[in-house]
Protein backbone atom coordinates (compact mmCIF):
# COMPACT_ATOMS: atom_id res chain seq x y z
CA MET A 1 120.66 103.78 113.74
CA LYS A 2 119.93 101.12 111.41
CA LEU A 3 117.05 98.14 111.76
CA ARG A 4 117.38 95.08 109.83
CA TRP A 5 114.30 92.76 109.09
CA LYS A 6 115.99 89.77 106.73
CA ALA A 7 113.61 87.63 104.18
CA GLY A 8 114.51 84.59 106.84
CA VAL A 9 112.46 86.02 109.05
CA ALA A 10 109.38 85.84 107.02
CA ALA A 11 109.73 82.16 106.42
CA GLY A 12 110.12 81.32 109.84
CA LEU A 13 106.99 83.17 110.85
CA MET A 14 104.90 80.95 108.64
CA GLY A 15 104.90 78.63 111.27
CA LEU A 16 103.61 80.65 113.96
CA GLY A 17 100.33 81.24 115.38
CA LEU A 18 98.89 84.26 117.23
CA MET A 19 101.13 85.76 120.03
CA GLY A 20 99.79 86.56 123.21
CA CYS A 21 97.61 89.26 122.13
CA SER A 22 95.09 89.13 119.53
CA THR A 23 94.19 92.12 117.33
CA ASN A 24 90.86 92.54 118.90
CA ASP A 25 92.67 93.39 122.03
CA ILE A 26 95.14 95.74 119.71
CA ALA A 27 91.96 97.85 118.70
CA SER A 28 90.56 98.27 122.04
CA ARG A 29 93.67 99.64 123.24
CA ILE A 30 95.26 101.73 120.13
CA VAL A 31 92.53 102.81 117.60
CA GLY A 32 89.44 103.92 119.04
CA SER A 33 85.65 103.36 118.08
CA ALA A 34 85.81 103.13 114.64
CA MET A 35 88.08 100.15 114.38
CA GLN A 36 87.07 98.46 117.96
CA THR A 37 83.60 98.16 116.56
CA THR A 38 84.69 96.26 113.62
CA GLU A 39 87.50 94.30 115.24
CA GLN A 40 84.39 93.26 118.14
CA ARG A 41 82.37 91.67 115.18
CA ILE A 42 85.15 90.03 113.93
CA GLY A 43 85.94 88.61 117.11
CA GLU A 44 82.33 87.56 118.10
CA GLU A 45 82.09 85.51 114.66
CA ILE A 46 85.34 83.98 114.13
CA GLY A 47 87.24 84.35 117.67
CA ASN A 48 91.14 84.40 117.99
CA ARG A 49 92.09 81.41 115.99
CA VAL A 50 95.39 81.05 114.35
CA SER A 51 95.64 82.69 110.72
CA GLY A 52 96.39 79.07 109.10
CA ALA A 53 93.32 77.48 110.77
CA LEU A 54 91.21 80.75 110.13
CA LEU A 55 91.53 80.40 106.66
CA LYS A 56 91.57 76.73 106.54
CA GLU A 57 87.88 76.97 107.79
CA LEU A 58 86.72 80.27 105.94
CA THR A 59 83.37 79.86 104.42
CA PRO A 60 81.13 82.12 102.58
CA ALA A 61 79.14 82.97 105.91
CA LEU A 62 82.41 84.38 107.42
CA MET A 63 83.82 86.17 104.35
CA ARG A 64 82.54 89.63 105.40
CA GLN A 65 84.59 89.44 108.57
CA TYR A 66 87.62 88.55 107.60
CA THR A 67 87.75 90.66 104.81
CA VAL A 68 86.87 93.61 106.74
CA GLY A 69 89.40 92.75 109.46
CA LEU A 70 92.22 92.00 106.58
CA MET A 71 91.50 95.31 104.58
CA GLN A 72 91.32 97.21 107.86
CA MET A 73 94.82 95.87 108.76
CA LEU A 74 96.17 96.85 105.21
CA PHE A 75 94.73 100.04 105.01
CA TYR A 76 94.45 101.61 108.08
CA GLN A 77 97.29 100.47 110.38
CA GLY A 78 96.33 101.75 113.64
CA GLY A 79 92.87 102.94 112.82
CA TYR A 80 94.90 106.01 110.75
CA ALA A 81 95.42 106.41 107.29
CA MET A 82 99.11 106.88 107.55
CA GLU A 83 100.42 105.83 103.51
CA PHE A 84 101.82 109.13 102.65
CA ALA A 85 101.93 108.32 98.63
CA GLU A 86 98.62 107.52 96.57
CA TYR A 87 99.04 104.09 95.09
CA ASN A 88 98.43 104.33 91.43
CA PRO A 89 97.06 101.41 89.30
CA GLY A 90 99.01 98.69 88.72
CA GLU A 91 101.09 99.11 91.86
CA TYR A 92 101.38 96.68 94.73
CA THR A 93 103.15 95.78 98.01
CA ALA A 94 103.69 92.67 99.93
CA TRP A 95 104.00 92.23 103.45
CA TYR A 96 105.04 89.56 106.11
CA THR A 97 103.01 89.72 109.35
CA GLU A 98 103.55 88.78 112.78
CA GLY A 99 100.99 88.37 115.25
CA SER A 100 98.10 88.66 112.86
CA GLU A 101 95.28 86.36 112.90
CA TYR A 102 94.86 87.41 109.00
CA GLY A 103 97.81 85.39 107.52
CA GLN A 104 101.46 85.51 107.63
CA GLU A 105 102.04 86.68 104.10
CA VAL A 106 99.86 89.43 102.58
CA VAL A 107 99.59 91.44 98.85
CA LYS A 108 97.87 94.46 98.64
CA ALA A 109 97.49 95.57 94.81
CA PHE A 110 95.44 98.39 93.41
CA LEU A 111 94.08 96.99 89.87
CA GLN A 112 92.44 99.82 88.12
CA ARG A 113 89.89 102.68 89.00
CA ASP A 114 86.65 102.79 86.95
CA GLU A 115 85.01 105.37 85.10
CA GLU A 116 82.98 106.23 88.28
CA GLY A 117 86.24 106.69 90.29
CA ARG A 118 85.52 103.46 92.16
CA GLU A 119 88.78 101.35 92.74
CA TRP A 120 89.28 97.48 92.25
CA TRP A 121 91.71 96.24 94.70
CA ARG A 122 93.26 92.58 95.06
CA ILE A 123 94.34 91.02 98.28
CA GLU A 124 96.06 87.66 98.78
CA SER A 125 96.72 86.43 102.44
CA ARG A 126 99.10 82.93 102.93
CA ALA A 127 99.55 81.21 106.32
CA GLY A 128 101.57 78.28 106.75
CA ALA A 129 100.88 74.22 105.28
CA ASP A 130 97.72 72.23 106.07
CA GLU A 131 97.71 68.91 107.47
CA ASN A 132 98.51 67.69 103.58
CA GLY A 133 101.56 69.83 103.19
CA GLU A 134 100.18 73.01 101.04
CA GLU A 135 100.04 76.33 101.45
CA VAL A 136 96.93 77.84 102.77
CA VAL A 137 95.81 80.99 100.30
CA LEU A 138 92.95 83.48 99.86
CA VAL A 139 92.90 85.50 96.98
CA ILE A 140 90.16 88.19 97.00
CA GLU A 141 89.43 91.61 94.35
CA ALA A 142 87.02 94.00 95.69
CA LEU A 143 85.67 96.93 94.38
CA PHE A 144 85.98 100.00 96.84
CA GLU A 145 83.91 103.13 96.60
CA VAL A 146 86.37 105.87 98.80
CA GLY A 147 83.96 108.28 101.01
CA GLU A 148 84.56 111.63 101.72
CA ASP A 149 84.82 110.56 105.39
CA GLY A 150 87.76 108.50 104.41
CA ASN A 151 85.95 105.25 104.93
CA ARG A 152 86.48 102.36 102.25
CA TYR A 153 82.69 100.96 101.28
CA VAL A 154 82.79 97.23 99.66
CA ARG A 155 80.46 97.19 96.74
CA ARG A 156 81.35 93.82 95.18
CA VAL A 157 83.70 91.32 96.00
CA ARG A 158 84.99 88.16 94.55
CA ALA A 159 87.36 84.99 95.73
CA GLN A 160 88.78 82.02 95.38
CA TYR A 161 88.91 80.25 98.70
CA PRO A 162 91.78 78.12 99.74
CA GLY A 163 91.89 74.66 98.39
CA GLU A 164 89.73 75.68 95.63
CA THR A 165 90.25 76.45 91.96
CA GLU A 166 86.46 77.79 91.47
CA VAL A 167 86.48 81.50 91.61
CA GLN A 168 83.32 82.69 93.72
CA GLU A 169 81.12 85.98 93.58
CA VAL A 170 80.72 86.82 97.52
CA PRO A 171 77.25 88.59 97.99
CA VAL A 172 77.35 92.05 99.10
CA GLN A 173 73.64 92.68 100.28
CA GLU A 174 71.98 96.18 100.31
CA GLU A 175 70.97 95.38 103.75
CA ASP A 176 74.33 94.53 105.25
CA ALA A 177 76.21 97.20 103.06
CA GLU A 178 76.87 99.54 106.01
CA LEU A 179 78.77 96.40 107.65
CA TRP A 180 81.25 96.02 104.56
CA VAL A 181 82.90 99.00 105.33
CA ILE A 182 86.74 99.40 106.37
CA PRO A 183 86.55 102.56 108.78
CA SER A 184 89.06 105.07 108.99
CA GLN A 185 90.17 107.35 112.12
CA GLY A 186 90.64 109.66 109.12
CA GLN A 187 93.91 111.73 108.32
CA LEU A 188 96.16 113.41 110.85
CA THR A 189 96.96 116.97 109.96
CA GLU A 190 100.25 118.06 109.09
CA GLU A 191 101.12 119.66 112.52
CA SER A 192 99.92 116.63 114.28
CA LEU A 193 101.65 114.35 112.21
CA GLU A 194 104.40 116.27 113.45
CA GLY A 195 103.93 116.29 116.57
CA PHE A 196 104.06 112.11 116.49
CA LYS A 197 107.31 112.13 114.32
CA ALA A 198 110.01 110.65 116.49
CA GLY A 199 112.85 110.63 114.68
CA GLN A 200 114.73 109.29 110.95
CA GLU A 201 116.17 105.98 110.80
CA SER A 202 117.65 103.74 108.05
CA ILE A 203 115.39 100.42 107.63
CA GLU A 204 116.75 97.07 105.59
CA THR A 205 113.79 94.96 104.75
CA PRO A 206 113.48 91.87 102.47
CA ALA A 207 112.52 94.76 99.79
CA GLY A 208 115.32 96.64 100.29
CA SER A 209 116.92 99.59 102.44
CA PHE A 210 114.90 102.91 103.08
CA ASN A 211 115.51 106.15 104.74
CA THR A 212 112.25 106.83 106.85
CA ALA A 213 110.62 109.10 109.15
CA ARG A 214 109.56 107.10 112.26
CA TYR A 215 106.11 107.97 113.77
CA GLU A 216 104.58 106.62 117.38
CA MET A 217 101.47 107.06 118.79
CA LYS A 218 101.18 106.14 122.57
CA GLU A 219 98.38 105.25 124.82
CA GLN A 220 97.51 107.41 127.29
CA GLY A 221 98.52 106.13 130.99
CA THR A 222 100.15 103.03 129.30
CA ASP A 223 103.12 101.67 127.61
CA ASP A 224 100.90 100.57 124.89
CA THR A 225 102.72 102.28 120.97
CA MET A 226 101.70 102.03 117.77
CA ILE A 227 104.91 102.63 115.47
CA TRP A 228 104.90 103.47 111.70
CA TRP A 229 108.20 103.83 109.50
CA ILE A 230 107.51 105.84 106.17
CA THR A 231 109.80 106.62 103.25
CA ASP A 232 109.65 109.13 100.38
CA GLU A 233 111.52 106.64 98.22
CA GLY A 234 109.55 105.26 95.97
CA VAL A 235 107.45 102.56 97.98
CA PRO A 236 103.71 102.97 96.88
CA GLY A 237 102.31 104.22 99.83
CA GLY A 238 105.22 105.01 101.23
CA LEU A 239 104.67 102.72 104.21
CA VAL A 240 107.59 100.17 104.65
CA ALA A 241 106.80 98.46 108.64
CA THR A 242 104.46 98.96 111.49
CA GLU A 243 104.69 97.56 114.98
CA TRP A 244 102.31 97.50 118.22
CA ARG A 245 104.23 97.08 121.17
CA GLU A 246 102.86 96.76 124.70
CA ASP A 247 106.43 98.14 125.60
CA ALA A 248 109.90 99.12 124.23
CA GLU A 249 110.72 95.47 124.10
CA ASP A 250 107.34 93.40 123.53
CA ILE A 251 106.47 93.59 119.91
CA GLN A 252 102.88 92.22 119.69
CA GLN A 253 102.31 92.41 115.79
CA ARG A 254 104.75 93.63 112.95
CA MET A 255 103.97 94.40 109.52
CA VAL A 256 107.33 94.40 107.23
CA LEU A 257 107.68 95.24 103.43
CA THR A 258 108.80 92.14 101.30
CA ALA A 259 108.26 93.41 97.82
CA TYR A 260 106.91 96.21 95.69
CA GLY A 261 106.23 97.07 92.07
CA ALA A 262 103.95 98.07 89.29
CA ASP A 263 102.79 95.45 87.24
CA ALA A 264 99.38 93.98 88.75
CA THR A 265 96.79 95.38 86.36
CA GLU A 266 94.99 92.19 85.45
CA SER A 267 92.47 90.68 87.33
CA LYS A 268 93.12 87.10 88.52
CA LEU A 269 89.45 86.26 89.46
CA GLY A 270 87.65 87.84 86.26
CA ALA A 271 86.30 90.85 88.10
CA PHE A 272 86.76 93.03 85.01
């Protein structure tokens, strides 16, 4: 079987808002308590607005909630660490997303690892044009400490907000440090992963064609299903696409790879 996701689809998605179900619903139905707690905080503070509106209205007061939610989507799709290959410093992946409140196009880049083993990552999020016809763009560079529990702890953040040229340092306060966490359900054992494997598929994406292994995780008692497509053909992290479906035909959220590379070694925001 061959699936095709063309580049033209990404352009069409730029004008879309949220689909019928929010990321908060996905969290409560699929990924369990760790992501659910994070997404509930996000939902309470920024609501279920469309991505473009969310980015245009983003303020420093909402930065933590937005950042944690966006990074949860990029690092722990479905709550689990499903990237089978490491990112090396300089490697990046670019994605289009459907049904996400965090942006219709996102880029995830591993910039460097410091001498203490902490990691600098850049996340760029883009949404549809604002009322002036200009693309809405947010750039974040964050310093992570990866814990033994698999969680990523944010220690420092710099940001360039939509419509602004000035770069800002975002406060990460000691008393709020436990809230600057991107939680993971953990890494499944090899045996458990094998049990969730649903077969092999060839996928055509804007980034190229890949032979992939398809993994499916279904919520007990429902038709809600999280799907990952993983390749060993040189993509950083190995992840090519993800979908969350309410049933076989009703796709609520999707991420598809549009590009990848290995030249993202410099900070755009003066982080180092």
